[in-house]
Amino acid sequence: MSYPPPPAGDPYSQQQAYGQQPYGGQPVAAYAGWGARFGAYLIDSLIFAPFAILAAVLGTGTDAATGLPTINAMYYVFYLLGLVVLGYNRWFQGGKTGQSWGRKALGIKLVSENTGQPIGAGNAFVRDLAHILDAIPCYIGFLFPLWDAKKQTFSDKICKTVVVR
C-alpha cells in the first residue's frame, strides 16, 4: 500500500493532536501559545525570587551611627547565587534540552526553526539578550506571538527559534 507524499511547508504549522503521527512517522509539534510561553517565563523568573529575598533580608542592614541602609557581603553572595541558578536553568539546561524548568512544567520546548533541535547554551543566552529588542517598542515584541503565524517574538525571529508544544 502506498501513501501520499508528506505535505510541503513548515512542519510545525500542522495542528495535530499530541503524539499523532504525520505521514513521515515522526510526531509533529505545534507552536506554543502566548499563555504557555508567558507561564513558563513566569516560573523561570520566580526561581530567582527566593535568592533576591534572602539577599534583601540577610544582606542589608542599617548603619547604627548614621541610620543609613547598608549592604554587606551576603547580599552579593545570594544575588550571585540566584544569577547562577537562573543562568543554569535558562541558558545551560534550556539550551541543551530546549526546556527550562518553566518550559518543562508547561510542556513546551525551545528549538531551532531550521533544525527542530535545541539551540545550545550560547544561543539561548543570545536569545535572552535579544529580548531587549522585544522591550524597546513598548514591550510589543513580547505580545507579537499573539498574532504572528509562527507565534514568535522579535528575539525568536532574530535568533531563528520557535517554541513548540
Protein backbone atom coordinates (compact mmCIF):
# COMPACT_ATOMS: atom_id res chain seq x y z
CA MET A 1 0.00 0.00 0.00
CA SER A 2 1.47 3.37 -0.91
CA TYR A 3 0.87 6.56 1.00
CA PRO A 4 0.70 10.05 -0.47
CA PRO A 5 3.83 12.19 -0.06
CA PRO A 6 4.01 14.40 3.02
CA PRO A 7 2.66 17.93 2.59
CA ALA A 8 5.23 20.59 1.75
CA GLY A 9 5.87 23.53 4.03
CA ASP A 10 6.50 24.22 7.67
CA PRO A 11 6.31 21.01 9.77
CA TYR A 12 5.30 22.94 12.89
CA SER A 13 2.29 24.57 11.27
CA GLN A 14 0.36 21.30 11.12
CA GLN A 15 -2.04 21.37 14.06
CA GLN A 16 -2.32 17.75 15.19
CA ALA A 17 -3.16 16.09 18.46
CA TYR A 18 -0.23 15.33 20.73
CA GLY A 19 1.50 12.11 19.71
CA GLN A 20 -0.37 11.77 16.43
CA GLN A 21 1.89 10.54 13.65
CA PRO A 22 2.11 12.51 10.37
CA TYR A 23 2.98 10.93 7.03
CA GLY A 24 6.70 10.50 7.78
CA GLY A 25 6.14 8.68 11.08
CA GLN A 26 7.65 11.42 13.28
CA PRO A 27 5.35 13.30 15.68
CA VAL A 28 4.75 16.89 14.59
CA ALA A 29 4.71 19.59 17.24
CA ALA A 30 2.51 22.67 17.14
CA TYR A 31 3.61 26.17 18.05
CA ALA A 32 3.20 27.03 21.73
CA GLY A 33 0.68 29.75 22.52
CA TRP A 34 1.36 33.03 24.27
CA GLY A 35 -0.15 31.87 27.58
CA ALA A 36 2.12 28.83 27.86
CA ARG A 37 5.16 30.90 26.89
CA PHE A 38 4.32 33.58 29.47
CA GLY A 39 3.64 30.99 32.16
CA ALA A 40 6.99 29.28 31.54
CA TYR A 41 8.79 32.64 31.66
CA LEU A 42 6.99 33.49 34.90
CA ILE A 43 8.04 30.18 36.51
CA ASP A 44 11.63 30.69 35.34
CA SER A 45 11.65 34.23 36.74
CA LEU A 46 10.19 33.16 40.08
CA ILE A 47 13.14 30.80 40.54
CA PHE A 48 15.26 33.90 41.22
CA ALA A 49 12.84 35.30 43.83
CA PRO A 50 14.00 33.30 46.89
CA PHE A 51 17.60 34.39 46.29
CA ALA A 52 16.57 38.03 45.94
CA ILE A 53 14.54 37.82 49.15
CA LEU A 54 17.45 36.23 51.03
CA ALA A 55 19.79 38.90 49.65
CA ALA A 56 17.46 41.65 50.84
CA VAL A 57 16.81 40.14 54.27
CA LEU A 58 20.26 38.78 55.16
CA GLY A 59 22.41 41.11 53.09
CA THR A 60 21.11 44.50 54.12
CA GLY A 61 21.01 46.37 57.36
CA THR A 62 21.15 49.81 58.91
CA ASP A 63 24.29 51.64 59.99
CA ALA A 64 23.94 52.27 63.73
CA ALA A 65 25.85 55.54 63.60
CA THR A 66 24.14 57.18 60.62
CA GLY A 67 20.89 55.26 60.29
CA LEU A 68 21.55 54.77 56.57
CA PRO A 69 20.91 51.45 54.83
CA THR A 70 23.97 49.24 54.29
CA ILE A 71 24.73 46.26 52.10
CA ASN A 72 27.03 43.50 53.31
CA ALA A 73 28.76 40.62 51.51
CA MET A 74 25.81 38.25 51.97
CA TYR A 75 23.73 40.43 49.66
CA TYR A 76 26.16 39.84 46.80
CA VAL A 77 26.56 36.14 47.62
CA PHE A 78 22.82 35.44 47.44
CA TYR A 79 22.31 37.67 44.42
CA LEU A 80 25.17 36.00 42.53
CA LEU A 81 23.92 32.53 43.55
CA GLY A 82 20.49 33.43 42.18
CA LEU A 83 22.03 34.54 38.88
CA VAL A 84 23.98 31.27 38.65
CA VAL A 85 20.82 29.19 39.19
CA LEU A 86 18.89 31.37 36.72
CA GLY A 87 21.68 31.03 34.14
CA TYR A 88 21.89 27.28 34.61
CA ASN A 89 18.14 26.95 34.14
CA ARG A 90 17.58 29.36 31.23
CA TRP A 91 20.83 29.03 29.29
CA PHE A 92 22.53 25.73 30.07
CA GLN A 93 19.53 23.48 30.71
CA GLY A 94 17.23 25.36 28.34
CA GLY A 95 19.84 25.43 25.59
CA LYS A 96 20.88 21.80 25.99
CA THR A 97 17.40 20.22 26.14
CA GLY A 98 15.17 23.02 24.85
CA GLN A 99 13.34 23.04 28.17
CA SER A 100 13.99 25.24 31.18
CA TRP A 101 12.14 24.24 34.34
CA GLY A 102 9.25 26.53 33.43
CA ARG A 103 9.00 25.22 29.86
CA LYS A 104 9.18 21.64 31.12
CA ALA A 105 6.38 22.29 33.64
CA LEU A 106 4.14 23.62 30.84
CA GLY A 107 5.14 21.04 28.21
CA ILE A 108 6.78 23.39 25.71
CA LYS A 109 10.22 23.39 24.11
CA LEU A 110 12.53 25.98 22.51
CA VAL A 111 14.07 24.70 19.28
CA SER A 112 15.83 25.95 16.18
CA GLU A 113 13.42 26.97 13.43
CA ASN A 114 15.64 25.27 10.83
CA THR A 115 16.62 22.00 12.51
CA GLY A 116 13.99 21.43 15.20
CA GLN A 117 16.80 20.72 17.69
CA PRO A 118 17.67 22.55 20.94
CA ILE A 119 19.72 25.69 20.27
CA GLY A 120 22.59 25.29 22.77
CA ALA A 121 23.60 27.35 25.79
CA GLY A 122 25.32 30.16 23.87
CA ASN A 123 22.37 30.75 21.57
CA ALA A 124 19.94 30.56 24.50
CA PHE A 125 21.95 33.33 26.19
CA VAL A 126 21.99 35.44 23.00
CA ARG A 127 18.22 34.92 22.62
CA ASP A 128 17.64 36.19 26.18
CA LEU A 129 19.81 39.24 25.39
CA ALA A 130 17.77 39.80 22.23
CA HIS A 131 14.67 40.08 24.42
CA ILE A 132 15.85 43.65 24.99
CA LEU A 133 14.58 44.33 21.47
CA ASP A 134 11.19 42.89 22.46
CA ALA A 135 11.00 45.51 25.21
CA ILE A 136 12.16 48.59 23.28
CA PRO A 137 8.95 49.35 21.35
CA CYS A 138 6.63 49.48 24.41
CA TYR A 139 7.10 45.72 25.05
CA ILE A 140 5.20 44.94 21.85
CA GLY A 141 7.74 42.27 20.93
CA PHE A 142 6.58 40.12 23.84
CA LEU A 143 2.99 40.34 22.57
CA PHE A 144 3.94 39.53 18.98
CA PRO A 145 3.19 35.78 19.42
CA LEU A 146 -0.49 36.67 19.83
CA TRP A 147 -0.83 37.39 16.09
CA ASP A 148 2.33 36.02 14.45
CA ALA A 149 1.88 32.92 12.27
CA LYS A 150 4.75 31.08 13.98
CA LYS A 151 3.99 32.66 17.39
CA GLN A 152 7.49 34.20 17.55
CA THR A 153 8.75 37.22 19.47
CA PHE A 154 11.23 39.61 17.82
CA SER A 155 14.08 37.75 19.54
CA ASP A 156 12.79 34.43 18.14
CA LYS A 157 12.81 35.90 14.64
CA ILE A 158 16.34 37.26 15.08
CA CYS A 159 17.69 34.01 16.53
CA LYS A 160 15.59 31.79 14.22
CA THR A 161 13.92 29.89 17.05
CA VAL A 162 10.39 28.66 17.73
CA VAL A 163 8.66 27.42 20.87
CA VAL A 164 6.64 24.25 20.29
CA ARG A 165 4.33 22.01 22.29
